PDB file of N, CA and C in Angstrom:
ATOM      1  N   UNK A   1     130.324  68.405 120.014  1.00  0.00           N
ATOM      2  CA  UNK A   1     128.998  68.865 119.656  1.00  0.00           C
ATOM      3  C   UNK A   1     129.086  69.572 118.313  1.00  0.00           C
ATOM      4  N   UNK A   2     128.115  69.297 117.441  1.00  0.00           N
ATOM      5  CA  UNK A   2     128.132  69.881 116.111  1.00  0.00           C
ATOM      6  C   UNK A   2     127.414  71.208 116.036  1.00  0.00           C
ATOM      7  N   UNK A   3     127.589  71.830 114.927  1.00  0.00           N
ATOM      8  CA  UNK A   3     126.997  73.148 114.679  1.00  0.00           C
ATOM      9  C   UNK A   3     125.740  73.010 113.844  1.00  0.00           C
ATOM     10  N   UNK A   4     124.931  74.073 113.857  1.00  0.00           N
ATOM     11  CA  UNK A   4     123.742  74.174 113.021  1.00  0.00           C
ATOM     12  C   UNK A   4     123.940  75.368 112.092  1.00  0.00           C
ATOM     13  N   UNK A   5     123.680  75.163 110.816  1.00  0.00           N
ATOM     14  CA  UNK A   5     123.776  76.245 109.832  1.00  0.00           C
ATOM     15  C   UNK A   5     122.416  76.432 109.182  1.00  0.00           C
ATOM     16  N   UNK A   6     122.151  77.648 108.748  1.00  0.00           N
ATOM     17  CA  UNK A   6     120.917  77.978 108.047  1.00  0.00           C
ATOM     18  C   UNK A   6     121.313  78.684 106.757  1.00  0.00           C
ATOM     19  N   UNK A   7     120.717  78.254 105.645  1.00  0.00           N
ATOM     20  CA  UNK A   7     121.112  78.752 104.333  1.00  0.00           C
ATOM     21  C   UNK A   7     119.880  79.151 103.536  1.00  0.00           C
ATOM     22  N   UNK A   8     119.869  80.387 103.049  1.00  0.00           N
ATOM     23  CA  UNK A   8     118.758  80.847 102.217  1.00  0.00           C
ATOM     24  C   UNK A   8     118.603  82.354 102.284  1.00  0.00           C
ATOM     25  N   UNK A   9     117.450  82.822 101.846  1.00  0.00           N
ATOM     26  CA  UNK A   9     117.198  84.259 101.775  1.00  0.00           C
ATOM     27  C   UNK A   9     117.324  84.902 103.157  1.00  0.00           C
ATOM     28  N   UNK A  10     117.960  86.054 103.191  1.00  0.00           N
ATOM     29  CA  UNK A  10     118.218  86.756 104.451  1.00  0.00           C
ATOM     30  C   UNK A  10     116.946  87.019 105.247  1.00  0.00           C
ATOM     31  N   UNK A  11     115.863  87.371 104.572  1.00  0.00           N
ATOM     32  CA  UNK A  11     114.614  87.677 105.266  1.00  0.00           C
ATOM     33  C   UNK A  11     114.065  86.464 106.018  1.00  0.00           C
ATOM     34  N   UNK A  12     114.387  85.266 105.558  1.00  0.00           N
ATOM     35  CA  UNK A  12     113.895  84.051 106.217  1.00  0.00           C
ATOM     36  C   UNK A  12     114.907  83.436 107.159  1.00  0.00           C
ATOM     37  N   UNK A  13     116.173  83.802 107.055  1.00  0.00           N
ATOM     38  CA  UNK A  13     117.189  83.097 107.837  1.00  0.00           C
ATOM     39  C   UNK A  13     117.844  83.919 108.939  1.00  0.00           C
ATOM     40  N   UNK A  14     117.790  85.233 108.860  1.00  0.00           N
ATOM     41  CA  UNK A  14     118.527  86.087 109.806  1.00  0.00           C
ATOM     42  C   UNK A  14     118.177  85.797 111.254  1.00  0.00           C
ATOM     43  N   UNK A  15     116.926  85.487 111.527  1.00  0.00           N
ATOM     44  CA  UNK A  15     116.485  85.265 112.907  1.00  0.00           C
ATOM     45  C   UNK A  15     117.182  84.090 113.569  1.00  0.00           C
ATOM     46  N   UNK A  16     117.635  83.126 112.807  1.00  0.00           N
ATOM     47  CA  UNK A  16     118.266  81.940 113.377  1.00  0.00           C
ATOM     48  C   UNK A  16     119.595  82.266 114.061  1.00  0.00           C
ATOM     49  N   UNK A  17     120.183  83.391 113.709  1.00  0.00           N
ATOM     50  CA  UNK A  17     121.429  83.800 114.378  1.00  0.00           C
ATOM     51  C   UNK A  17     121.188  84.041 115.862  1.00  0.00           C
ATOM     52  N   UNK A  18     119.980  84.462 116.227  1.00  0.00           N
ATOM     53  CA  UNK A  18     119.652  84.693 117.633  1.00  0.00           C
ATOM     54  C   UNK A  18     119.727  83.410 118.453  1.00  0.00           C
ATOM     55  N   UNK A  19     119.531  82.277 117.797  1.00  0.00           N
ATOM     56  CA  UNK A  19     119.595  80.984 118.477  1.00  0.00           C
ATOM     57  C   UNK A  19     120.990  80.367 118.393  1.00  0.00           C
ATOM     58  N   UNK A  20     121.917  81.069 117.769  1.00  0.00           N
ATOM     59  CA  UNK A  20     123.292  80.594 117.693  1.00  0.00           C
ATOM     60  C   UNK A  20     123.651  79.839 116.433  1.00  0.00           C
ATOM     61  N   UNK A  21     122.749  79.786 115.464  1.00  0.00           N
ATOM     62  CA  UNK A  21     123.054  79.095 114.209  1.00  0.00           C
ATOM     63  C   UNK A  21     123.986  79.948 113.351  1.00  0.00           C
ATOM     64  N   UNK A  22     124.755  79.271 112.525  1.00  0.00           N
ATOM     65  CA  UNK A  22     125.589  79.956 111.532  1.00  0.00           C
ATOM     66  C   UNK A  22     124.700  80.268 110.343  1.00  0.00           C
ATOM     67  N   UNK A  23     124.435  81.536 110.100  1.00  0.00           N
ATOM     68  CA  UNK A  23     123.527  81.934 109.025  1.00  0.00           C
ATOM     69  C   UNK A  23     124.329  82.285 107.782  1.00  0.00           C
ATOM     70  N   UNK A  24     123.932  81.689 106.664  1.00  0.00           N
ATOM     71  CA  UNK A  24     124.549  81.950 105.370  1.00  0.00           C
ATOM     72  C   UNK A  24     123.462  82.510 104.461  1.00  0.00           C
ATOM     73  N   UNK A  25     123.388  83.831 104.369  1.00  0.00           N
ATOM     74  CA  UNK A  25     122.368  84.476 103.540  1.00  0.00           C
ATOM     75  C   UNK A  25     122.733  84.327 102.072  1.00  0.00           C
ATOM     76  N   UNK A  26     121.740  83.961 101.272  1.00  0.00           N
ATOM     77  CA  UNK A  26     121.944  83.793  99.833  1.00  0.00           C
ATOM     78  C   UNK A  26     120.625  84.100  99.139  1.00  0.00           C
ATOM     79  N   UNK A  27     120.687  84.965  98.151  1.00  0.00           N
ATOM     80  CA  UNK A  27     119.468  85.415  97.482  1.00  0.00           C
ATOM     81  C   UNK A  27     119.213  84.763  96.130  1.00  0.00           C
ATOM     82  N   UNK A  28     120.183  84.003  95.615  1.00  0.00           N
ATOM     83  CA  UNK A  28     119.970  83.318  94.337  1.00  0.00           C
ATOM     84  C   UNK A  28     120.768  82.017  94.332  1.00  0.00           C
ATOM     85  N   UNK A  29     120.567  81.228  93.287  1.00  0.00           N
ATOM     86  CA  UNK A  29     121.185  79.903  93.218  1.00  0.00           C
ATOM     87  C   UNK A  29     122.713  79.954  93.286  1.00  0.00           C
ATOM     88  N   UNK A  30     123.317  80.902  92.617  1.00  0.00           N
ATOM     89  CA  UNK A  30     124.777  81.019  92.648  1.00  0.00           C
ATOM     90  C   UNK A  30     125.294  81.301  94.040  1.00  0.00           C
ATOM     91  N   UNK A  31     124.633  82.195  94.751  1.00  0.00           N
ATOM     92  CA  UNK A  31     125.042  82.499  96.124  1.00  0.00           C
ATOM     93  C   UNK A  31     124.845  81.292  97.032  1.00  0.00           C
ATOM     94  N   UNK A  32     123.762  80.551  96.819  1.00  0.00           N
ATOM     95  CA  UNK A  32     123.525  79.348  97.621  1.00  0.00           C
ATOM     96  C   UNK A  32     124.655  78.353  97.413  1.00  0.00           C
ATOM     97  N   UNK A  33     125.010  78.117  96.176  1.00  0.00           N
ATOM     98  CA  UNK A  33     126.055  77.137  95.882  1.00  0.00           C
ATOM     99  C   UNK A  33     127.403  77.560  96.440  1.00  0.00           C
ATOM    100  N   UNK A  34     127.716  78.856  96.400  1.00  0.00           N
ATOM    101  CA  UNK A  34     128.977  79.340  96.994  1.00  0.00           C
ATOM    102  C   UNK A  34     128.929  79.230  98.515  1.00  0.00           C
ATOM    103  N   UNK A  35     127.798  79.573  99.110  1.00  0.00           N
ATOM    104  CA  UNK A  35     127.667  79.504 100.566  1.00  0.00           C
ATOM    105  C   UNK A  35     127.769  78.059 101.057  1.00  0.00           C
ATOM    106  N   UNK A  36     127.226  77.120 100.293  1.00  0.00           N
ATOM    107  CA  UNK A  36     127.278  75.717 100.684  1.00  0.00           C
ATOM    108  C   UNK A  36     128.727  75.264 100.905  1.00  0.00           C
ATOM    109  N   UNK A  37     129.621  75.718 100.045  1.00  0.00           N
ATOM    110  CA  UNK A  37     131.018  75.300 100.161  1.00  0.00           C
ATOM    111  C   UNK A  37     131.719  75.935 101.356  1.00  0.00           C
ATOM    112  N   UNK A  38     131.112  76.969 101.951  1.00  0.00           N
ATOM    113  CA  UNK A  38     131.744  77.631 103.091  1.00  0.00           C
ATOM    114  C   UNK A  38     131.194  77.165 104.440  1.00  0.00           C
ATOM    115  N   UNK A  39     130.282  76.201 104.440  1.00  0.00           N
ATOM    116  CA  UNK A  39     129.733  75.691 105.694  1.00  0.00           C
ATOM    117  C   UNK A  39     130.814  74.895 106.416  1.00  0.00           C
ATOM    118  N   UNK A  40     130.957  75.164 107.710  1.00  0.00           N
ATOM    119  CA  UNK A  40     132.000  74.515 108.515  1.00  0.00           C
ATOM    120  C   UNK A  40     131.874  72.997 108.497  1.00  0.00           C
ATOM    121  N   UNK A  41     133.012  72.323 108.532  1.00  0.00           N
ATOM    122  CA  UNK A  41     133.033  70.866 108.478  1.00  0.00           C
ATOM    123  C   UNK A  41     132.389  70.216 109.698  1.00  0.00           C
ATOM    124  N   UNK A  42     132.332  70.918 110.838  1.00  0.00           N
ATOM    125  CA  UNK A  42     131.730  70.324 112.037  1.00  0.00           C
ATOM    126  C   UNK A  42     130.231  70.596 112.149  1.00  0.00           C
ATOM    127  N   UNK A  43     129.607  71.063 111.065  1.00  0.00           N
ATOM    128  CA  UNK A  43     128.164  71.305 111.030  1.00  0.00           C
ATOM    129  C   UNK A  43     127.446  69.964 110.894  1.00  0.00           C
ATOM    130  N   UNK A  44     126.418  69.759 111.731  1.00  0.00           N
ATOM    131  CA  UNK A  44     125.682  68.496 111.685  1.00  0.00           C
ATOM    132  C   UNK A  44     124.263  68.657 111.137  1.00  0.00           C
ATOM    133  N   UNK A  45     123.701  69.874 111.196  1.00  0.00           N
ATOM    134  CA  UNK A  45     122.360  70.140 110.665  1.00  0.00           C
ATOM    135  C   UNK A  45     122.426  71.399 109.813  1.00  0.00           C
ATOM    136  N   UNK A  46     121.877  71.324 108.606  1.00  0.00           N
ATOM    137  CA  UNK A  46     121.768  72.490 107.733  1.00  0.00           C
ATOM    138  C   UNK A  46     120.298  72.675 107.404  1.00  0.00           C
ATOM    139  N   UNK A  47     119.739  73.816 107.795  1.00  0.00           N
ATOM    140  CA  UNK A  47     118.360  74.167 107.503  1.00  0.00           C
ATOM    141  C   UNK A  47     118.386  75.077 106.283  1.00  0.00           C
ATOM    142  N   UNK A  48     117.601  74.735 105.261  1.00  0.00           N
ATOM    143  CA  UNK A  48     117.596  75.518 104.028  1.00  0.00           C
ATOM    144  C   UNK A  48     116.175  75.962 103.692  1.00  0.00           C
ATOM    145  N   UNK A  49     116.068  77.092 103.014  1.00  0.00           N
ATOM    146  CA  UNK A  49     114.779  77.560 102.514  1.00  0.00           C
ATOM    147  C   UNK A  49     114.443  76.756 101.249  1.00  0.00           C
ATOM    148  N   UNK A  50     113.188  76.778 100.805  1.00  0.00           N
ATOM    149  CA  UNK A  50     112.853  76.068  99.567  1.00  0.00           C
ATOM    150  C   UNK A  50     113.684  76.522  98.363  1.00  0.00           C
ATOM    151  N   UNK A  51     113.971  77.821  98.259  1.00  0.00           N
ATOM    152  CA  UNK A  51     114.797  78.307  97.154  1.00  0.00           C
ATOM    153  C   UNK A  51     116.197  77.703  97.228  1.00  0.00           C
ATOM    154  N   UNK A  52     116.772  77.654  98.431  1.00  0.00           N
ATOM    155  CA  UNK A  52     118.109  77.092  98.596  1.00  0.00           C
ATOM    156  C   UNK A  52     118.104  75.593  98.297  1.00  0.00           C
ATOM    157  N   UNK A  53     117.056  74.897  98.711  1.00  0.00           N
ATOM    158  CA  UNK A  53     116.959  73.463  98.426  1.00  0.00           C
ATOM    159  C   UNK A  53     116.941  73.219  96.917  1.00  0.00           C
ATOM    160  N   UNK A  54     116.199  74.052  96.185  1.00  0.00           N
ATOM    161  CA  UNK A  54     116.146  73.914  94.730  1.00  0.00           C
ATOM    162  C   UNK A  54     117.519  74.174  94.114  1.00  0.00           C
ATOM    163  N   UNK A  55     118.228  75.165  94.619  1.00  0.00           N
ATOM    164  CA  UNK A  55     119.565  75.471  94.097  1.00  0.00           C
ATOM    165  C   UNK A  55     120.546  74.336  94.391  1.00  0.00           C
ATOM    166  N   UNK A  56     120.415  73.730  95.558  1.00  0.00           N
ATOM    167  CA  UNK A  56     121.322  72.637  95.920  1.00  0.00           C
ATOM    168  C   UNK A  56     121.020  71.360  95.142  1.00  0.00           C
ATOM    169  N   UNK A  57     119.801  71.221  94.650  1.00  0.00           N
ATOM    170  CA  UNK A  57     119.452  70.018  93.895  1.00  0.00           C
ATOM    171  C   UNK A  57     120.239  69.921  92.593  1.00  0.00           C
ATOM    172  N   UNK A  58     120.799  71.032  92.151  1.00  0.00           N
ATOM    173  CA  UNK A  58     121.568  71.059  90.902  1.00  0.00           C
ATOM    174  C   UNK A  58     123.036  70.705  91.113  1.00  0.00           C
ATOM    175  N   UNK A  59     123.421  70.426  92.359  1.00  0.00           N
ATOM    176  CA  UNK A  59     124.828  70.109  92.624  1.00  0.00           C
ATOM    177  C   UNK A  59     124.919  68.935  93.590  1.00  0.00           C
ATOM    178  N   UNK A  60     126.030  68.211  93.555  1.00  0.00           N
ATOM    179  CA  UNK A  60     126.176  67.086  94.483  1.00  0.00           C
ATOM    180  C   UNK A  60     126.447  67.603  95.904  1.00  0.00           C
ATOM    181  N   UNK A  61     125.544  67.330  96.812  1.00  0.00           N
ATOM    182  CA  UNK A  61     125.703  67.816  98.190  1.00  0.00           C
ATOM    183  C   UNK A  61     125.671  66.663  99.186  1.00  0.00           C
ATOM    184  N   UNK A  62     126.013  65.498  98.738  1.00  0.00           N
ATOM    185  CA  UNK A  62     125.984  64.350  99.632  1.00  0.00           C
ATOM    186  C   UNK A  62     127.033  64.502 100.727  1.00  0.00           C
ATOM    187  N   UNK A  63     126.566  64.361 101.928  1.00  0.00           N
ATOM    188  CA  UNK A  63     127.442  64.418 103.093  1.00  0.00           C
ATOM    189  C   UNK A  63     126.718  63.655 104.198  1.00  0.00           C
ATOM    190  N   UNK A  64     127.168  62.451 104.491  1.00  0.00           N
ATOM    191  CA  UNK A  64     126.450  61.639 105.456  1.00  0.00           C
ATOM    192  C   UNK A  64     126.668  62.081 106.898  1.00  0.00           C
ATOM    193  N   UNK A  65     127.416  63.142 107.104  1.00  0.00           N
ATOM    194  CA  UNK A  65     127.582  63.690 108.460  1.00  0.00           C
ATOM    195  C   UNK A  65     126.614  64.830 108.725  1.00  0.00           C
ATOM    196  N   UNK A  66     125.894  65.303 107.706  1.00  0.00           N
ATOM    197  CA  UNK A  66     124.971  66.435 107.860  1.00  0.00           C
ATOM    198  C   UNK A  66     123.541  66.012 107.577  1.00  0.00           C
ATOM    199  N   UNK A  67     122.637  66.513 108.404  1.00  0.00           N
ATOM    200  CA  UNK A  67     121.213  66.362 108.153  1.00  0.00           C
ATOM    201  C   UNK A  67     120.748  67.629 107.448  1.00  0.00           C
ATOM    202  N   UNK A  68     120.155  67.481 106.283  1.00  0.00           N
ATOM    203  CA  UNK A  68     119.658  68.617 105.500  1.00  0.00           C
ATOM    204  C   UNK A  68     118.149  68.706 105.694  1.00  0.00           C
ATOM    205  N   UNK A  69     117.671  69.842 106.214  1.00  0.00           N
ATOM    206  CA  UNK A  69     116.251  70.049 106.516  1.00  0.00           C
ATOM    207  C   UNK A  69     115.758  71.242 105.708  1.00  0.00           C
ATOM    208  N   UNK A  70     114.630  71.068 104.997  1.00  0.00           N
ATOM    209  CA  UNK A  70     114.062  72.158 104.205  1.00  0.00           C
ATOM    210  C   UNK A  70     112.877  72.772 104.941  1.00  0.00           C
ATOM    211  N   UNK A  71     112.907  74.107 105.093  1.00  0.00           N
ATOM    212  CA  UNK A  71     111.790  74.822 105.699  1.00  0.00           C
ATOM    213  C   UNK A  71     110.563  74.717 104.797  1.00  0.00           C
ATOM    214  N   UNK A  72     109.366  74.778 105.361  1.00  0.00           N
ATOM    215  CA  UNK A  72     108.177  74.788 104.509  1.00  0.00           C
ATOM    216  C   UNK A  72     108.073  76.118 103.771  1.00  0.00           C
ATOM    217  N   UNK A  73     107.369  76.136 102.633  1.00  0.00           N
ATOM    218  CA  UNK A  73     107.181  77.409 101.919  1.00  0.00           C
ATOM    219  C   UNK A  73     106.324  78.355 102.749  1.00  0.00           C
ATOM    220  N   UNK A  74     106.482  79.640 102.497  1.00  0.00           N
ATOM    221  CA  UNK A  74     105.663  80.644 103.175  1.00  0.00           C
ATOM    222  C   UNK A  74     104.247  80.608 102.625  1.00  0.00           C
ATOM    223  N   UNK A  75     103.290  80.947 103.474  1.00  0.00           N
ATOM    224  CA  UNK A  75     101.907  81.067 103.014  1.00  0.00           C
ATOM    225  C   UNK A  75     101.771  82.339 102.193  1.00  0.00           C
ATOM    226  N   UNK A  76     100.913  82.348 101.194  1.00  0.00           N
ATOM    227  CA  UNK A  76     100.685  83.591 100.452  1.00  0.00           C
ATOM    228  C   UNK A  76     100.046  84.625 101.374  1.00  0.00           C
ATOM    229  N   UNK A  77     100.191  85.897 101.026  1.00  0.00           N
ATOM    230  CA  UNK A  77      99.607  86.966 101.833  1.00  0.00           C
ATOM    231  C   UNK A  77      98.121  86.707 102.010  1.00  0.00           C
ATOM    232  N   UNK A  78      97.671  86.733 103.253  1.00  0.00           N
ATOM    233  CA  UNK A  78      96.273  86.477 103.540  1.00  0.00           C
ATOM    234  C   UNK A  78      95.913  85.008 103.482  1.00  0.00           C
ATOM    235  N   UNK A  79      96.935  84.153 103.265  1.00  0.00           N
ATOM    236  CA  UNK A  79      96.689  82.721 103.154  1.00  0.00           C
ATOM    237  C   UNK A  79      96.293  82.101 104.482  1.00  0.00           C
ATOM    238  N   UNK A  80      95.610  81.003 104.388  1.00  0.00           N
ATOM    239  CA  UNK A  80      95.188  80.285 105.583  1.00  0.00           C
ATOM    240  C   UNK A  80      95.671  78.852 105.475  1.00  0.00           C
ATOM    241  N   UNK A  81      95.847  78.244 106.609  1.00  0.00           N
ATOM    242  CA  UNK A  81      96.218  76.839 106.598  1.00  0.00           C
ATOM    243  C   UNK A  81      94.955  75.991 106.564  1.00  0.00           C
ATOM    244  N   UNK A  82      95.084  74.816 106.014  1.00  0.00           N
ATOM    245  CA  UNK A  82      93.963  73.881 105.977  1.00  0.00           C
ATOM    246  C   UNK A  82      93.752  73.327 107.387  1.00  0.00           C
ATOM    247  N   UNK A  83      92.510  73.084 107.752  1.00  0.00           N
ATOM    248  CA  UNK A  83      92.215  72.451 109.041  1.00  0.00           C
ATOM    249  C   UNK A  83      91.370  71.231 108.787  1.00  0.00           C
ATOM    250  N   UNK A  84      91.517  70.276 109.655  1.00  0.00           N
ATOM    251  CA  UNK A  84      90.737  69.048 109.533  1.00  0.00           C
ATOM    252  C   UNK A  84      89.296  69.311 109.936  1.00  0.00           C
ATOM    253  N   UNK A  85      88.335  68.700 109.257  1.00  0.00           N
ATOM    254  CA  UNK A  85      86.933  68.872 109.636  1.00  0.00           C
ATOM    255  C   UNK A  85      86.726  68.459 111.089  1.00  0.00           C
ATOM    256  N   UNK A  86      85.991  69.278 111.807  1.00  0.00           N
ATOM    257  CA  UNK A  86      85.697  68.962 113.195  1.00  0.00           C
ATOM    258  C   UNK A  86      86.800  69.298 114.170  1.00  0.00           C
ATOM    259  N   UNK A  87      87.868  69.929 113.675  1.00  0.00           N
ATOM    260  CA  UNK A  87      88.988  70.243 114.580  1.00  0.00           C
ATOM    261  C   UNK A  87      88.690  71.472 115.426  1.00  0.00           C
ATOM    262  N   UNK A  88      87.700  72.243 115.023  1.00  0.00           N
ATOM    263  CA  UNK A  88      87.332  73.423 115.792  1.00  0.00           C
ATOM    264  C   UNK A  88      88.219  74.625 115.580  1.00  0.00           C
ATOM    265  N   UNK A  89      89.124  74.553 114.616  1.00  0.00           N
ATOM    266  CA  UNK A  89      90.002  75.696 114.351  1.00  0.00           C
ATOM    267  C   UNK A  89      89.828  76.198 112.946  1.00  0.00           C
TER     268      UNK A  89
END
């Protein structure tokens, strides 16, 4: 069974440790790139924040054994999500 890792800003990733994920906190592109190299080889899913995804785009991160998933961006303060007309929400 493979592991799940989460990479990105501590404020967005710390909670994933409660579910057993390996959390790699990184606050800037350099930290993201260093943390990427420390992810265990048996990791099968890596969840990244948008900032981490942007930092990883600058380096070769091809690994066909890992699924890379990017979290959606946070809503702005007081922001609302779009709803479909007639959805009642």
